[in-house]
């Protein structure tokens, strides 16, 4: 089941899996990954089933179900921010911004 979350006039709609669908057992948070890790986005959203404005923005940037991701680099010593490629887009994210992006490693 797919649900459209963005109905703001003038904005592109973002389709995502239903937030009530359970996460696969192999899913991990994007925020826990290290450089070189690759995976596929399975969901964006908290386990409570709500979508915050930040999570909606991440979906608009390309973090959608089925999209390929790769962690390219991280800053030392705090590992924050880190560089991630989602599809053909490269972004720098803070770990706390990526906590609710769930991926399956490939």
N, C-alpha and C. Protein backbone atom coordinates (compact mmCIF):
# COMPACT_ATOMS: atom_id res chain seq x y z
N UNK A 1 0.84 -1.17 0.00
CA UNK A 1 0.00 0.00 0.00
C UNK A 1 0.88 1.23 0.00
N UNK A 2 0.54 2.23 -0.80
CA UNK A 2 1.32 3.45 -0.89
C UNK A 2 0.44 4.63 -0.49
N UNK A 3 1.03 5.57 0.20
CA UNK A 3 0.31 6.75 0.67
C UNK A 3 1.06 7.98 0.21
N UNK A 4 0.35 8.98 -0.32
CA UNK A 4 0.97 10.24 -0.71
C UNK A 4 0.95 11.15 0.50
N UNK A 5 2.15 11.64 0.88
CA UNK A 5 2.26 12.44 2.09
C UNK A 5 2.30 13.94 1.84
N UNK A 6 2.65 14.36 0.64
CA UNK A 6 2.80 15.78 0.41
C UNK A 6 1.68 16.26 -0.50
N UNK A 7 0.74 17.01 0.07
CA UNK A 7 -0.35 17.55 -0.73
C UNK A 7 -0.29 19.07 -0.79
N UNK A 8 0.90 19.65 -0.52
CA UNK A 8 1.09 21.09 -0.57
C UNK A 8 1.04 21.56 -2.01
N UNK A 9 0.21 22.58 -2.33
CA UNK A 9 0.15 23.07 -3.71
C UNK A 9 1.52 23.52 -4.20
N UNK A 10 1.84 23.14 -5.42
CA UNK A 10 3.11 23.54 -6.02
C UNK A 10 4.28 22.63 -5.67
N UNK A 11 4.08 21.66 -4.79
CA UNK A 11 5.16 20.75 -4.41
C UNK A 11 4.90 19.39 -5.04
N UNK A 12 5.97 18.68 -5.34
CA UNK A 12 5.83 17.34 -5.88
C UNK A 12 5.34 16.39 -4.80
N UNK A 13 4.45 15.50 -5.16
CA UNK A 13 3.96 14.50 -4.21
C UNK A 13 5.03 13.44 -4.02
N UNK A 14 5.13 12.94 -2.80
CA UNK A 14 6.09 11.90 -2.46
C UNK A 14 5.32 10.68 -2.01
N UNK A 15 5.51 9.57 -2.69
CA UNK A 15 4.81 8.34 -2.33
C UNK A 15 5.74 7.47 -1.49
N UNK A 16 5.23 6.93 -0.41
CA UNK A 16 6.02 6.08 0.48
C UNK A 16 5.16 4.90 0.91
N UNK A 17 5.80 3.82 1.38
CA UNK A 17 5.02 2.71 1.91
C UNK A 17 4.23 3.17 3.13
N UNK A 18 3.15 2.52 3.38
CA UNK A 18 2.35 2.84 4.55
C UNK A 18 3.20 2.74 5.81
N UNK A 19 3.06 3.70 6.71
CA UNK A 19 3.86 3.71 7.94
C UNK A 19 3.39 2.65 8.92
N UNK A 20 2.26 2.02 8.63
CA UNK A 20 1.81 0.95 9.51
C UNK A 20 2.43 -0.39 9.13
N UNK A 21 3.09 -0.46 7.97
CA UNK A 21 3.76 -1.68 7.54
C UNK A 21 4.97 -1.90 8.43
N UNK A 22 5.14 -3.09 9.00
CA UNK A 22 6.29 -3.33 9.86
C UNK A 22 7.60 -3.28 9.09
N UNK A 23 8.65 -2.85 9.77
CA UNK A 23 9.98 -2.82 9.15
C UNK A 23 10.50 -4.23 8.97
N UNK A 24 11.24 -4.48 7.88
CA UNK A 24 11.91 -5.78 7.76
C UNK A 24 12.89 -5.96 8.91
N UNK A 25 13.10 -7.19 9.32
CA UNK A 25 14.00 -7.48 10.44
C UNK A 25 15.42 -7.00 10.16
N UNK A 26 15.81 -6.96 8.89
CA UNK A 26 17.18 -6.55 8.53
C UNK A 26 17.36 -5.04 8.44
N UNK A 27 16.29 -4.27 8.58
CA UNK A 27 16.38 -2.82 8.43
C UNK A 27 17.16 -2.19 9.58
N UNK A 28 18.01 -1.22 9.23
CA UNK A 28 18.78 -0.46 10.21
C UNK A 28 18.61 1.02 9.92
N UNK A 29 18.86 1.83 10.92
CA UNK A 29 18.77 3.27 10.74
C UNK A 29 19.97 3.77 9.93
N UNK A 30 19.71 4.68 9.02
CA UNK A 30 20.78 5.28 8.22
C UNK A 30 21.84 5.92 9.11
N UNK A 31 21.44 6.42 10.26
CA UNK A 31 22.36 7.12 11.15
C UNK A 31 23.43 6.21 11.75
N UNK A 32 23.25 4.90 11.70
CA UNK A 32 24.20 3.96 12.30
C UNK A 32 25.28 3.49 11.33
N UNK A 33 25.16 3.85 10.06
CA UNK A 33 26.07 3.31 9.05
C UNK A 33 27.40 4.07 8.97
N UNK A 34 28.41 3.39 8.44
CA UNK A 34 29.75 3.94 8.30
C UNK A 34 30.11 4.04 6.82
N UNK A 35 31.17 4.82 6.48
CA UNK A 35 31.57 4.95 5.08
C UNK A 35 31.77 3.59 4.40
N UNK A 36 31.29 3.53 3.17
CA UNK A 36 31.37 2.30 2.40
C UNK A 36 30.11 1.48 2.45
N UNK A 37 29.25 1.73 3.43
CA UNK A 37 28.00 0.97 3.54
C UNK A 37 27.06 1.35 2.40
N UNK A 38 26.38 0.34 1.87
CA UNK A 38 25.40 0.53 0.79
C UNK A 38 24.11 -0.16 1.18
N UNK A 39 23.02 0.38 0.69
CA UNK A 39 21.74 -0.22 1.00
C UNK A 39 20.63 0.34 0.15
N UNK A 40 19.42 -0.04 0.53
CA UNK A 40 18.21 0.40 -0.14
C UNK A 40 17.26 0.95 0.92
N UNK A 41 16.70 2.11 0.66
CA UNK A 41 15.74 2.72 1.60
C UNK A 41 14.48 1.86 1.63
N UNK A 42 14.02 1.53 2.84
CA UNK A 42 12.78 0.78 2.99
C UNK A 42 11.67 1.62 3.61
N UNK A 43 12.04 2.69 4.33
CA UNK A 43 11.02 3.57 4.91
C UNK A 43 11.67 4.81 5.51
N UNK A 44 10.89 5.87 5.52
CA UNK A 44 11.26 7.08 6.25
C UNK A 44 10.12 7.37 7.20
N UNK A 45 10.42 7.51 8.46
CA UNK A 45 9.39 7.81 9.45
C UNK A 45 9.71 7.12 10.75
N UNK A 46 9.22 7.69 11.82
CA UNK A 46 9.45 7.11 13.13
C UNK A 46 8.64 5.84 13.29
N UNK A 47 9.03 5.03 14.25
CA UNK A 47 8.32 3.78 14.51
C UNK A 47 6.91 4.03 15.03
N UNK A 48 6.65 5.25 15.51
CA UNK A 48 5.32 5.58 16.01
C UNK A 48 4.32 5.79 14.88
N UNK A 49 4.81 5.90 13.65
CA UNK A 49 3.92 6.05 12.51
C UNK A 49 3.64 7.48 12.10
N UNK A 50 4.30 8.44 12.73
CA UNK A 50 4.10 9.83 12.36
C UNK A 50 5.24 10.28 11.44
N UNK A 51 4.98 11.31 10.64
CA UNK A 51 5.99 11.87 9.74
C UNK A 51 6.18 13.34 10.09
N UNK A 52 7.39 13.70 10.49
CA UNK A 52 7.69 15.08 10.85
C UNK A 52 8.00 15.89 9.59
N UNK A 53 8.02 17.20 9.70
CA UNK A 53 8.41 18.02 8.55
C UNK A 53 9.82 17.67 8.03
N UNK A 54 10.76 17.35 8.93
CA UNK A 54 12.10 16.96 8.50
C UNK A 54 12.06 15.67 7.70
N UNK A 55 11.30 14.69 8.17
CA UNK A 55 11.20 13.41 7.45
C UNK A 55 10.54 13.61 6.09
N UNK A 56 9.56 14.47 6.03
CA UNK A 56 8.92 14.78 4.74
C UNK A 56 9.94 15.41 3.80
N UNK A 57 10.77 16.30 4.32
CA UNK A 57 11.80 16.95 3.48
C UNK A 57 12.82 15.92 3.00
N UNK A 58 13.21 14.97 3.84
CA UNK A 58 14.13 13.92 3.41
C UNK A 58 13.53 13.12 2.26
N UNK A 59 12.24 12.83 2.33
CA UNK A 59 11.59 12.12 1.23
C UNK A 59 11.61 12.95 -0.04
N UNK A 60 11.39 14.26 0.09
CA UNK A 60 11.42 15.13 -1.07
C UNK A 60 12.82 15.20 -1.69
N UNK A 61 13.86 14.99 -0.87
CA UNK A 61 15.24 15.00 -1.37
C UNK A 61 15.63 13.67 -2.01
N UNK A 62 14.79 12.65 -1.90
CA UNK A 62 15.07 11.40 -2.58
C UNK A 62 15.12 10.17 -1.71
N UNK A 63 14.97 10.29 -0.41
CA UNK A 63 14.99 9.14 0.48
C UNK A 63 13.60 8.47 0.44
N UNK A 64 13.36 7.71 -0.61
CA UNK A 64 12.08 7.04 -0.81
C UNK A 64 12.30 5.54 -0.94
N UNK A 65 11.25 4.79 -0.71
CA UNK A 65 11.30 3.33 -0.76
C UNK A 65 11.92 2.85 -2.07
N UNK A 66 12.93 1.98 -1.94
CA UNK A 66 13.58 1.38 -3.10
C UNK A 66 14.78 2.13 -3.63
N UNK A 67 15.06 3.33 -3.12
CA UNK A 67 16.19 4.12 -3.62
C UNK A 67 17.50 3.60 -3.04
N UNK A 68 18.53 3.52 -3.87
CA UNK A 68 19.86 3.08 -3.46
C UNK A 68 20.54 4.19 -2.66
N UNK A 69 21.26 3.82 -1.59
CA UNK A 69 22.05 4.78 -0.82
C UNK A 69 23.46 4.23 -0.63
N UNK A 70 24.39 5.15 -0.42
CA UNK A 70 25.77 4.79 -0.10
C UNK A 70 26.33 5.85 0.82
N UNK A 71 27.01 5.43 1.89
CA UNK A 71 27.68 6.37 2.78
C UNK A 71 29.06 6.62 2.20
N UNK A 72 29.37 7.87 1.89
CA UNK A 72 30.63 8.22 1.24
C UNK A 72 31.72 8.64 2.21
N UNK A 73 31.37 9.40 3.24
CA UNK A 73 32.39 9.91 4.17
C UNK A 73 31.72 10.37 5.46
N UNK A 74 32.54 10.50 6.49
CA UNK A 74 32.07 11.07 7.75
C UNK A 74 33.19 11.90 8.35
N UNK A 75 32.80 12.84 9.18
CA UNK A 75 33.76 13.73 9.82
C UNK A 75 34.25 13.11 11.12
N UNK A 76 35.48 13.29 11.42
CA UNK A 76 36.05 12.81 12.69
C UNK A 76 36.28 14.01 13.59
N UNK A 77 36.24 13.93 14.87
CA UNK A 77 36.01 12.74 15.66
C UNK A 77 34.54 12.44 15.91
N UNK A 78 33.63 13.39 15.67
CA UNK A 78 32.24 13.19 16.05
C UNK A 78 31.38 12.46 15.05
N UNK A 79 31.91 12.13 13.86
CA UNK A 79 31.17 11.44 12.80
C UNK A 79 29.98 12.25 12.29
N UNK A 80 29.98 13.55 12.54
CA UNK A 80 28.83 14.36 12.18
C UNK A 80 29.29 15.68 11.59
N UNK A 81 28.90 16.07 10.41
CA UNK A 81 27.95 15.41 9.52
C UNK A 81 28.61 14.28 8.74
N UNK A 82 27.77 13.53 8.01
CA UNK A 82 28.30 12.51 7.13
C UNK A 82 27.74 12.73 5.73
N UNK A 83 28.43 12.17 4.75
CA UNK A 83 28.07 12.38 3.35
C UNK A 83 27.42 11.11 2.83
N UNK A 84 26.24 11.26 2.25
CA UNK A 84 25.49 10.12 1.73
C UNK A 84 25.05 10.41 0.29
N UNK A 85 25.12 9.38 -0.53
CA UNK A 85 24.59 9.48 -1.89
C UNK A 85 23.28 8.71 -1.92
N UNK A 86 22.23 9.39 -2.32
CA UNK A 86 20.92 8.76 -2.49
C UNK A 86 20.56 8.92 -3.96
N UNK A 87 20.45 7.80 -4.66
CA UNK A 87 20.27 7.87 -6.11
C UNK A 87 21.48 8.53 -6.73
N UNK A 88 21.29 9.62 -7.44
CA UNK A 88 22.38 10.37 -8.06
C UNK A 88 22.69 11.67 -7.31
N UNK A 89 22.10 11.85 -6.13
CA UNK A 89 22.28 13.08 -5.35
C UNK A 89 23.19 12.83 -4.16
N UNK A 90 24.12 13.74 -3.92
CA UNK A 90 25.03 13.64 -2.77
C UNK A 90 24.67 14.73 -1.78
N UNK A 91 24.49 14.32 -0.50
CA UNK A 91 24.07 15.23 0.55
C UNK A 91 24.93 15.07 1.80
N UNK A 92 25.05 16.12 2.58
CA UNK A 92 25.65 16.03 3.91
C UNK A 92 24.51 16.12 4.91
N UNK A 93 24.46 15.14 5.81
CA UNK A 93 23.40 15.07 6.82
C UNK A 93 23.99 14.95 8.21
N UNK A 94 23.27 15.47 9.17
CA UNK A 94 23.62 15.19 10.56
C UNK A 94 23.01 13.84 10.94
N UNK A 95 23.64 13.15 11.86
CA UNK A 95 23.16 11.83 12.28
C UNK A 95 21.72 11.91 12.80
N UNK A 96 21.42 12.96 13.56
CA UNK A 96 20.07 13.06 14.12
C UNK A 96 19.02 13.29 13.02
N UNK A 97 19.43 13.85 11.89
CA UNK A 97 18.50 14.04 10.78
C UNK A 97 18.20 12.72 10.07
N UNK A 98 19.13 11.77 10.16
CA UNK A 98 19.00 10.51 9.44
C UNK A 98 18.48 9.36 10.31
N UNK A 99 18.13 9.63 11.55
CA UNK A 99 17.72 8.56 12.47
C UNK A 99 16.49 7.80 12.02
N UNK A 100 15.57 8.45 11.30
CA UNK A 100 14.34 7.78 10.92
C UNK A 100 14.29 7.36 9.46
N UNK A 101 15.47 7.30 8.83
CA UNK A 101 15.56 6.71 7.49
C UNK A 101 16.02 5.28 7.69
N UNK A 102 15.20 4.32 7.28
CA UNK A 102 15.46 2.90 7.49
C UNK A 102 15.91 2.25 6.20
N UNK A 103 17.00 1.50 6.25
CA UNK A 103 17.56 0.89 5.05
C UNK A 103 17.86 -0.60 5.29
N UNK A 104 17.88 -1.34 4.20
CA UNK A 104 18.37 -2.72 4.21
C UNK A 104 19.72 -2.68 3.53
N UNK A 105 20.74 -3.26 4.15
CA UNK A 105 22.07 -3.27 3.58
C UNK A 105 22.14 -4.22 2.40
N UNK A 106 22.95 -3.84 1.41
CA UNK A 106 23.14 -4.71 0.23
C UNK A 106 24.57 -5.17 0.14
